[in-house]
Amino acid sequence: MTVIYHVGLHADGYAYRMEEAWSETFPTHKAALAAARSAAAKQRAGGRDAHILYETEDGEWHREYADGGDRPETIVVDDIE
């Protein structure tokens, strides 16, 4: 899976988005680009393995194993340049 962050003009400033969800607005393009790169790096960083237990709306309980090293590839696209 690949997650793409786009940096562009948004709400009288600059921001980054993933699909249709925008970040907060930054006063400069440079700040928005740095924030997008930081978010992308954090998403690539692995975590700890975990066992997850959750209940669905129909009342059934499910147990899953989450591999902390299973992280997506991330790309930052600068739509300004």
PDB file of N, CA and C in Angstrom:
ATOM      1  N   MET A   1       0.839  -1.173   0.000  1.00  0.00           N
ATOM      2  CA  MET A   1       0.000   0.000   0.000  1.00  0.00           C
ATOM      3  C   MET A   1       0.891   1.246   0.000  1.00  0.00           C
ATOM      4  N   THR A   2       0.489   2.241  -0.764  1.00  0.00           N
ATOM      5  CA  THR A   2       1.203   3.509  -0.810  1.00  0.00           C
ATOM      6  C   THR A   2       0.270   4.628  -0.382  1.00  0.00           C
ATOM      7  N   VAL A   3       0.734   5.453   0.545  1.00  0.00           N
ATOM      8  CA  VAL A   3      -0.022   6.613   1.018  1.00  0.00           C
ATOM      9  C   VAL A   3       0.639   7.853   0.423  1.00  0.00           C
ATOM     10  N   ILE A   4      -0.172   8.692  -0.228  1.00  0.00           N
ATOM     11  CA  ILE A   4       0.358   9.883  -0.886  1.00  0.00           C
ATOM     12  C   ILE A   4      -0.134  11.131  -0.173  1.00  0.00           C
ATOM     13  N   TYR A   5       0.808  11.973   0.219  1.00  0.00           N
ATOM     14  CA  TYR A   5       0.507  13.280   0.806  1.00  0.00           C
ATOM     15  C   TYR A   5       0.742  14.333  -0.270  1.00  0.00           C
ATOM     16  N   HIS A   6      -0.241  15.205  -0.477  1.00  0.00           N
ATOM     17  CA  HIS A   6      -0.127  16.294  -1.451  1.00  0.00           C
ATOM     18  C   HIS A   6      -0.008  17.612  -0.692  1.00  0.00           C
ATOM     19  N   VAL A   7       0.922  18.462  -1.092  1.00  0.00           N
ATOM     20  CA  VAL A   7       1.095  19.789  -0.503  1.00  0.00           C
ATOM     21  C   VAL A   7       0.536  20.796  -1.495  1.00  0.00           C
ATOM     22  N   GLY A   8      -0.322  21.717  -1.000  1.00  0.00           N
ATOM     23  CA  GLY A   8      -0.913  22.693  -1.909  1.00  0.00           C
ATOM     24  C   GLY A   8      -1.508  23.876  -1.181  1.00  0.00           C
ATOM     25  N   LEU A   9      -2.125  24.757  -1.957  1.00  0.00           N
ATOM     26  CA  LEU A   9      -2.802  25.921  -1.403  1.00  0.00           C
ATOM     27  C   LEU A   9      -4.099  25.475  -0.746  1.00  0.00           C
ATOM     28  N   HIS A  10      -4.369  26.037   0.444  1.00  0.00           N
ATOM     29  CA  HIS A  10      -5.596  25.663   1.162  1.00  0.00           C
ATOM     30  C   HIS A  10      -5.905  26.708   2.221  1.00  0.00           C
ATOM     31  N   ALA A  11      -7.122  27.200   2.233  1.00  0.00           N
ATOM     32  CA  ALA A  11      -7.628  28.096   3.287  1.00  0.00           C
ATOM     33  C   ALA A  11      -6.694  29.271   3.567  1.00  0.00           C
ATOM     34  N   ASP A  12      -6.387  30.034   2.538  1.00  0.00           N
ATOM     35  CA  ASP A  12      -5.538  31.233   2.671  1.00  0.00           C
ATOM     36  C   ASP A  12      -4.127  30.934   3.167  1.00  0.00           C
ATOM     37  N   GLY A  13      -3.612  29.782   2.834  1.00  0.00           N
ATOM     38  CA  GLY A  13      -2.244  29.414   3.205  1.00  0.00           C
ATOM     39  C   GLY A  13      -1.865  28.143   2.472  1.00  0.00           C
ATOM     40  N   TYR A  14      -1.060  27.342   3.112  1.00  0.00           N
ATOM     41  CA  TYR A  14      -0.595  26.080   2.539  1.00  0.00           C
ATOM     42  C   TYR A  14      -0.905  24.958   3.517  1.00  0.00           C
ATOM     43  N   ALA A  15      -1.154  23.787   2.983  1.00  0.00           N
ATOM     44  CA  ALA A  15      -1.451  22.628   3.819  1.00  0.00           C
ATOM     45  C   ALA A  15      -1.077  21.373   3.035  1.00  0.00           C
ATOM     46  N   TYR A  16      -1.188  20.243   3.697  1.00  0.00           N
ATOM     47  CA  TYR A  16      -1.018  18.973   3.001  1.00  0.00           C
ATOM     48  C   TYR A  16      -2.284  18.157   3.205  1.00  0.00           C
ATOM     49  N   ARG A  17      -2.517  17.242   2.288  1.00  0.00           N
ATOM     50  CA  ARG A  17      -3.707  16.398   2.396  1.00  0.00           C
ATOM     51  C   ARG A  17      -3.368  14.965   2.037  1.00  0.00           C
ATOM     52  N   MET A  18      -4.151  14.080   2.602  1.00  0.00           N
ATOM     53  CA  MET A  18      -4.131  12.678   2.223  1.00  0.00           C
ATOM     54  C   MET A  18      -5.545  12.364   1.776  1.00  0.00           C
ATOM     55  N   GLU A  19      -5.696  11.982   0.541  1.00  0.00           N
ATOM     56  CA  GLU A  19      -7.002  11.834  -0.096  1.00  0.00           C
ATOM     57  C   GLU A  19      -7.736  13.171   0.029  1.00  0.00           C
ATOM     58  N   GLU A  20      -8.869  13.242   0.717  1.00  0.00           N
ATOM     59  CA  GLU A  20      -9.621  14.505   0.812  1.00  0.00           C
ATOM     60  C   GLU A  20      -9.477  15.184   2.168  1.00  0.00           C
ATOM     61  N   ALA A  21      -8.666  14.628   3.058  1.00  0.00           N
ATOM     62  CA  ALA A  21      -8.505  15.192   4.405  1.00  0.00           C
ATOM     63  C   ALA A  21      -7.300  16.126   4.438  1.00  0.00           C
ATOM     64  N   TRP A  22      -7.556  17.404   4.776  1.00  0.00           N
ATOM     65  CA  TRP A  22      -6.498  18.414   4.818  1.00  0.00           C
ATOM     66  C   TRP A  22      -5.954  18.568   6.229  1.00  0.00           C
ATOM     67  N   SER A  23      -4.696  18.918   6.311  1.00  0.00           N
ATOM     68  CA  SER A  23      -4.053  19.242   7.590  1.00  0.00           C
ATOM     69  C   SER A  23      -4.455  20.651   7.995  1.00  0.00           C
ATOM     70  N   GLU A  24      -3.915  21.092   9.112  1.00  0.00           N
ATOM     71  CA  GLU A  24      -4.055  22.498   9.477  1.00  0.00           C
ATOM     72  C   GLU A  24      -3.343  23.352   8.436  1.00  0.00           C
ATOM     73  N   THR A  25      -3.662  24.628   8.396  1.00  0.00           N
ATOM     74  CA  THR A  25      -3.058  25.531   7.419  1.00  0.00           C
ATOM     75  C   THR A  25      -1.756  26.110   7.973  1.00  0.00           C
ATOM     76  N   PHE A  26      -0.760  26.196   7.118  1.00  0.00           N
ATOM     77  CA  PHE A  26       0.542  26.760   7.473  1.00  0.00           C
ATOM     78  C   PHE A  26       0.733  28.067   6.716  1.00  0.00           C
ATOM     79  N   PRO A  27       1.473  29.016   7.303  1.00  0.00           N
ATOM     80  CA  PRO A  27       1.631  30.318   6.647  1.00  0.00           C
ATOM     81  C   PRO A  27       2.552  30.285   5.426  1.00  0.00           C
ATOM     82  N   THR A  28       3.426  29.275   5.347  1.00  0.00           N
ATOM     83  CA  THR A  28       4.357  29.211   4.222  1.00  0.00           C
ATOM     84  C   THR A  28       4.339  27.824   3.576  1.00  0.00           C
ATOM     85  N   HIS A  29       4.717  27.818   2.321  1.00  0.00           N
ATOM     86  CA  HIS A  29       4.842  26.567   1.588  1.00  0.00           C
ATOM     87  C   HIS A  29       5.897  25.679   2.231  1.00  0.00           C
ATOM     88  N   LYS A  30       7.006  26.278   2.634  1.00  0.00           N
ATOM     89  CA  LYS A  30       8.103  25.539   3.244  1.00  0.00           C
ATOM     90  C   LYS A  30       7.651  24.813   4.513  1.00  0.00           C
ATOM     91  N   ALA A  31       6.841  25.484   5.343  1.00  0.00           N
ATOM     92  CA  ALA A  31       6.353  24.872   6.584  1.00  0.00           C
ATOM     93  C   ALA A  31       5.400  23.721   6.295  1.00  0.00           C
ATOM     94  N   ALA A  32       4.528  23.883   5.307  1.00  0.00           N
ATOM     95  CA  ALA A  32       3.594  22.817   4.954  1.00  0.00           C
ATOM     96  C   ALA A  32       4.329  21.604   4.383  1.00  0.00           C
ATOM     97  N   LEU A  33       5.337  21.853   3.568  1.00  0.00           N
ATOM     98  CA  LEU A  33       6.126  20.770   2.990  1.00  0.00           C
ATOM     99  C   LEU A  33       6.878  20.006   4.082  1.00  0.00           C
ATOM    100  N   ALA A  34       7.455  20.724   5.025  1.00  0.00           N
ATOM    101  CA  ALA A  34       8.163  20.080   6.139  1.00  0.00           C
ATOM    102  C   ALA A  34       7.201  19.241   6.982  1.00  0.00           C
ATOM    103  N   ALA A  35       5.995  19.763   7.233  1.00  0.00           N
ATOM    104  CA  ALA A  35       5.006  19.033   8.024  1.00  0.00           C
ATOM    105  C   ALA A  35       4.549  17.772   7.294  1.00  0.00           C
ATOM    106  N   ALA A  36       4.370  17.853   5.984  1.00  0.00           N
ATOM    107  CA  ALA A  36       3.972  16.678   5.200  1.00  0.00           C
ATOM    108  C   ALA A  36       5.064  15.614   5.242  1.00  0.00           C
ATOM    109  N   ARG A  37       6.300  16.037   5.110  1.00  0.00           N
ATOM    110  CA  ARG A  37       7.415  15.075   5.173  1.00  0.00           C
ATOM    111  C   ARG A  37       7.502  14.418   6.543  1.00  0.00           C
ATOM    112  N   SER A  38       7.245  15.184   7.593  1.00  0.00           N
ATOM    113  CA  SER A  38       7.257  14.643   8.952  1.00  0.00           C
ATOM    114  C   SER A  38       6.130  13.630   9.136  1.00  0.00           C
ATOM    115  N   ALA A  39       4.933  13.964   8.670  1.00  0.00           N
ATOM    116  CA  ALA A  39       3.794  13.043   8.790  1.00  0.00           C
ATOM    117  C   ALA A  39       4.061  11.755   8.018  1.00  0.00           C
ATOM    118  N   ALA A  40       4.638  11.874   6.833  1.00  0.00           N
ATOM    119  CA  ALA A  40       4.947  10.694   6.018  1.00  0.00           C
ATOM    120  C   ALA A  40       5.974   9.807   6.713  1.00  0.00           C
ATOM    121  N   ALA A  41       6.977  10.418   7.316  1.00  0.00           N
ATOM    122  CA  ALA A  41       8.013   9.641   8.014  1.00  0.00           C
ATOM    123  C   ALA A  41       7.436   8.918   9.226  1.00  0.00           C
ATOM    124  N   LYS A  42       6.557   9.594   9.958  1.00  0.00           N
ATOM    125  CA  LYS A  42       5.936   8.963  11.129  1.00  0.00           C
ATOM    126  C   LYS A  42       5.068   7.781  10.714  1.00  0.00           C
ATOM    127  N   GLN A  43       4.388   7.895   9.592  1.00  0.00           N
ATOM    128  CA  GLN A  43       3.532   6.797   9.141  1.00  0.00           C
ATOM    129  C   GLN A  43       4.358   5.590   8.715  1.00  0.00           C
ATOM    130  N   ARG A  44       5.571   5.823   8.233  1.00  0.00           N
ATOM    131  CA  ARG A  44       6.448   4.708   7.828  1.00  0.00           C
ATOM    132  C   ARG A  44       7.109   4.025   9.022  1.00  0.00           C
ATOM    133  N   ALA A  45       7.189   4.729  10.149  1.00  0.00           N
ATOM    134  CA  ALA A  45       7.891   4.187  11.316  1.00  0.00           C
ATOM    135  C   ALA A  45       7.108   3.026  11.922  1.00  0.00           C
ATOM    136  N   GLY A  46       7.819   1.962  12.177  1.00  0.00           N
ATOM    137  CA  GLY A  46       7.194   0.798  12.784  1.00  0.00           C
ATOM    138  C   GLY A  46       6.903   1.016  14.256  1.00  0.00           C
ATOM    139  N   GLY A  47       6.050   0.211  14.761  1.00  0.00           N
ATOM    140  CA  GLY A  47       5.695   0.269  16.173  1.00  0.00           C
ATOM    141  C   GLY A  47       5.843  -1.103  16.790  1.00  0.00           C
ATOM    142  N   ARG A  48       5.161  -1.306  17.868  1.00  0.00           N
ATOM    143  CA  ARG A  48       5.197  -2.605  18.533  1.00  0.00           C
ATOM    144  C   ARG A  48       4.074  -3.499  18.007  1.00  0.00           C
ATOM    145  N   ASP A  49       4.339  -4.787  17.976  1.00  0.00           N
ATOM    146  CA  ASP A  49       3.293  -5.745  17.653  1.00  0.00           C
ATOM    147  C   ASP A  49       2.240  -5.683  18.755  1.00  0.00           C
ATOM    148  N   ALA A  50       0.988  -5.970  18.394  1.00  0.00           N
ATOM    149  CA  ALA A  50      -0.081  -5.904  19.397  1.00  0.00           C
ATOM    150  C   ALA A  50      -1.197  -6.878  19.049  1.00  0.00           C
ATOM    151  N   HIS A  51      -1.861  -7.354  20.083  1.00  0.00           N
ATOM    152  CA  HIS A  51      -3.089  -8.117  19.921  1.00  0.00           C
ATOM    153  C   HIS A  51      -4.229  -7.145  20.183  1.00  0.00           C
ATOM    154  N   ILE A  52      -5.176  -7.080  19.261  1.00  0.00           N
ATOM    155  CA  ILE A  52      -6.276  -6.130  19.350  1.00  0.00           C
ATOM    156  C   ILE A  52      -7.573  -6.906  19.545  1.00  0.00           C
ATOM    157  N   LEU A  53      -8.354  -6.486  20.523  1.00  0.00           N
ATOM    158  CA  LEU A  53      -9.651  -7.089  20.798  1.00  0.00           C
ATOM    159  C   LEU A  53     -10.693  -5.994  20.649  1.00  0.00           C
ATOM    160  N   TYR A  54     -11.717  -6.231  19.811  1.00  0.00           N
ATOM    161  CA  TYR A  54     -12.749  -5.214  19.625  1.00  0.00           C
ATOM    162  C   TYR A  54     -14.104  -5.872  19.385  1.00  0.00           C
ATOM    163  N   GLU A  55     -15.160  -5.092  19.661  1.00  0.00           N
ATOM    164  CA  GLU A  55     -16.528  -5.560  19.473  1.00  0.00           C
ATOM    165  C   GLU A  55     -17.146  -4.819  18.288  1.00  0.00           C
ATOM    166  N   THR A  56     -17.796  -5.564  17.408  1.00  0.00           N
ATOM    167  CA  THR A  56     -18.459  -4.949  16.267  1.00  0.00           C
ATOM    168  C   THR A  56     -19.885  -4.542  16.659  1.00  0.00           C
ATOM    169  N   GLU A  57     -20.538  -3.792  15.781  1.00  0.00           N
ATOM    170  CA  GLU A  57     -21.886  -3.297  16.070  1.00  0.00           C
ATOM    171  C   GLU A  57     -22.878  -4.414  16.346  1.00  0.00           C
ATOM    172  N   ASP A  58     -22.649  -5.584  15.778  1.00  0.00           N
ATOM    173  CA  ASP A  58     -23.573  -6.702  15.988  1.00  0.00           C
ATOM    174  C   ASP A  58     -23.295  -7.476  17.279  1.00  0.00           C
ATOM    175  N   GLY A  59     -22.368  -6.956  18.110  1.00  0.00           N
ATOM    176  CA  GLY A  59     -22.089  -7.565  19.404  1.00  0.00           C
ATOM    177  C   GLY A  59     -21.061  -8.680  19.387  1.00  0.00           C
ATOM    178  N   GLU A  60     -20.460  -8.949  18.249  1.00  0.00           N
ATOM    179  CA  GLU A  60     -19.452 -10.003  18.177  1.00  0.00           C
ATOM    180  C   GLU A  60     -18.076  -9.454  18.509  1.00  0.00           C
ATOM    181  N   TRP A  61     -17.311 -10.259  19.253  1.00  0.00           N
ATOM    182  CA  TRP A  61     -15.945  -9.877  19.617  1.00  0.00           C
ATOM    183  C   TRP A  61     -14.970 -10.491  18.631  1.00  0.00           C
ATOM    184  N   HIS A  62     -13.958  -9.716  18.277  1.00  0.00           N
ATOM    185  CA  HIS A  62     -12.938 -10.164  17.333  1.00  0.00           C
ATOM    186  C   HIS A  62     -11.557  -9.907  17.931  1.00  0.00           C
ATOM    187  N   ARG A  63     -10.653 -10.814  17.637  1.00  0.00           N
ATOM    188  CA  ARG A  63      -9.271 -10.674  18.085  1.00  0.00           C
ATOM    189  C   ARG A  63      -8.390 -10.670  16.841  1.00  0.00           C
ATOM    190  N   GLU A  64      -7.501  -9.680  16.741  1.00  0.00           N
ATOM    191  CA  GLU A  64      -6.581  -9.596  15.609  1.00  0.00           C
ATOM    192  C   GLU A  64      -5.169  -9.366  16.120  1.00  0.00           C
ATOM    193  N   TYR A  65      -4.239  -9.736  15.305  1.00  0.00           N
ATOM    194  CA  TYR A  65      -2.826  -9.487  15.576  1.00  0.00           C
ATOM    195  C   TYR A  65      -2.363  -8.384  14.637  1.00  0.00           C
ATOM    196  N   ALA A  66      -1.764  -7.347  15.170  1.00  0.00           N
ATOM    197  CA  ALA A  66      -1.243  -6.246  14.364  1.00  0.00           C
ATOM    198  C   ALA A  66       0.279  -6.284  14.401  1.00  0.00           C
ATOM    199  N   ASP A  67       0.873  -6.452  13.240  1.00  0.00           N
ATOM    200  CA  ASP A  67       2.329  -6.481  13.108  1.00  0.00           C
ATOM    201  C   ASP A  67       2.851  -5.048  13.100  1.00  0.00           C
ATOM    202  N   GLY A  68       3.608  -4.669  14.094  1.00  0.00           N
ATOM    203  CA  GLY A  68       4.127  -3.308  14.204  1.00  0.00           C
ATOM    204  C   GLY A  68       5.051  -2.903  13.076  1.00  0.00           C
ATOM    205  N   GLY A  69       5.573  -3.857  12.332  1.00  0.00           N
ATOM    206  CA  GLY A  69       6.458  -3.545  11.225  1.00  0.00           C
ATOM    207  C   GLY A  69       5.753  -3.448   9.886  1.00  0.00           C
ATOM    208  N   ASP A  70       4.442  -3.679   9.877  1.00  0.00           N
ATOM    209  CA  ASP A  70       3.663  -3.649   8.644  1.00  0.00           C
ATOM    210  C   ASP A  70       3.238  -2.214   8.362  1.00  0.00           C
ATOM    211  N   ARG A  71       4.093  -1.467   7.704  1.00  0.00           N
ATOM    212  CA  ARG A  71       3.867  -0.041   7.455  1.00  0.00           C
ATOM    213  C   ARG A  71       3.794   0.235   5.960  1.00  0.00           C
ATOM    214  N   PRO A  72       3.019   1.249   5.571  1.00  0.00           N
ATOM    215  CA  PRO A  72       2.899   1.557   4.145  1.00  0.00           C
ATOM    216  C   PRO A  72       4.088   2.356   3.625  1.00  0.00           C
ATOM    217  N   GLU A  73       4.245   2.346   2.317  1.00  0.00           N
ATOM    218  CA  GLU A  73       5.177   3.261   1.672  1.00  0.00           C
ATOM    219  C   GLU A  73       4.477   4.617   1.639  1.00  0.00           C
ATOM    220  N   THR A  74       5.225   5.694   1.812  1.00  0.00           N
ATOM    221  CA  THR A  74       4.640   7.040   1.752  1.00  0.00           C
ATOM    222  C   THR A  74       5.383   7.893   0.746  1.00  0.00           C
ATOM    223  N   ILE A  75       4.641   8.776   0.097  1.00  0.00           N
ATOM    224  CA  ILE A  75       5.195   9.694  -0.888  1.00  0.00           C
ATOM    225  C   ILE A  75       4.635  11.080  -0.614  1.00  0.00           C
ATOM    226  N   VAL A  76       5.477  12.098  -0.733  1.00  0.00           N
ATOM    227  CA  VAL A  76       5.033  13.484  -0.618  1.00  0.00           C
ATOM    228  C   VAL A  76       5.132  14.114  -2.008  1.00  0.00           C
ATOM    229  N   VAL A  77       4.002  14.634  -2.488  1.00  0.00           N
ATOM    230  CA  VAL A  77       3.927  15.273  -3.802  1.00  0.00           C
ATOM    231  C   VAL A  77       3.691  16.761  -3.582  1.00  0.00           C
ATOM    232  N   ASP A  78       4.573  17.587  -4.121  1.00  0.00           N
ATOM    233  CA  ASP A  78       4.453  19.038  -4.005  1.00  0.00           C
ATOM    234  C   ASP A  78       3.658  19.551  -5.201  1.00  0.00           C
ATOM    235  N   ASP A  79       2.377  19.852  -4.978  1.00  0.00           N
ATOM    236  CA  ASP A  79       1.522  20.328  -6.057  1.00  0.00           C
ATOM    237  C   ASP A  79       1.768  21.792  -6.408  1.00  0.00           C
ATOM    238  N   ILE A  80       2.601  22.485  -5.629  1.00  0.00           N
ATOM    239  CA  ILE A  80       2.917  23.873  -5.898  1.00  0.00           C
ATOM    240  C   ILE A  80       3.979  23.988  -6.989  1.00  0.00           C
ATOM    241  N   GLU A  81       4.936  23.097  -6.991  1.00  0.00           N
ATOM    242  CA  GLU A  81       6.044  23.177  -7.973  1.00  0.00           C
ATOM    243  C   GLU A  81       5.739  22.420  -9.224  1.00  0.00           C
TER     244      GLU A  81
END
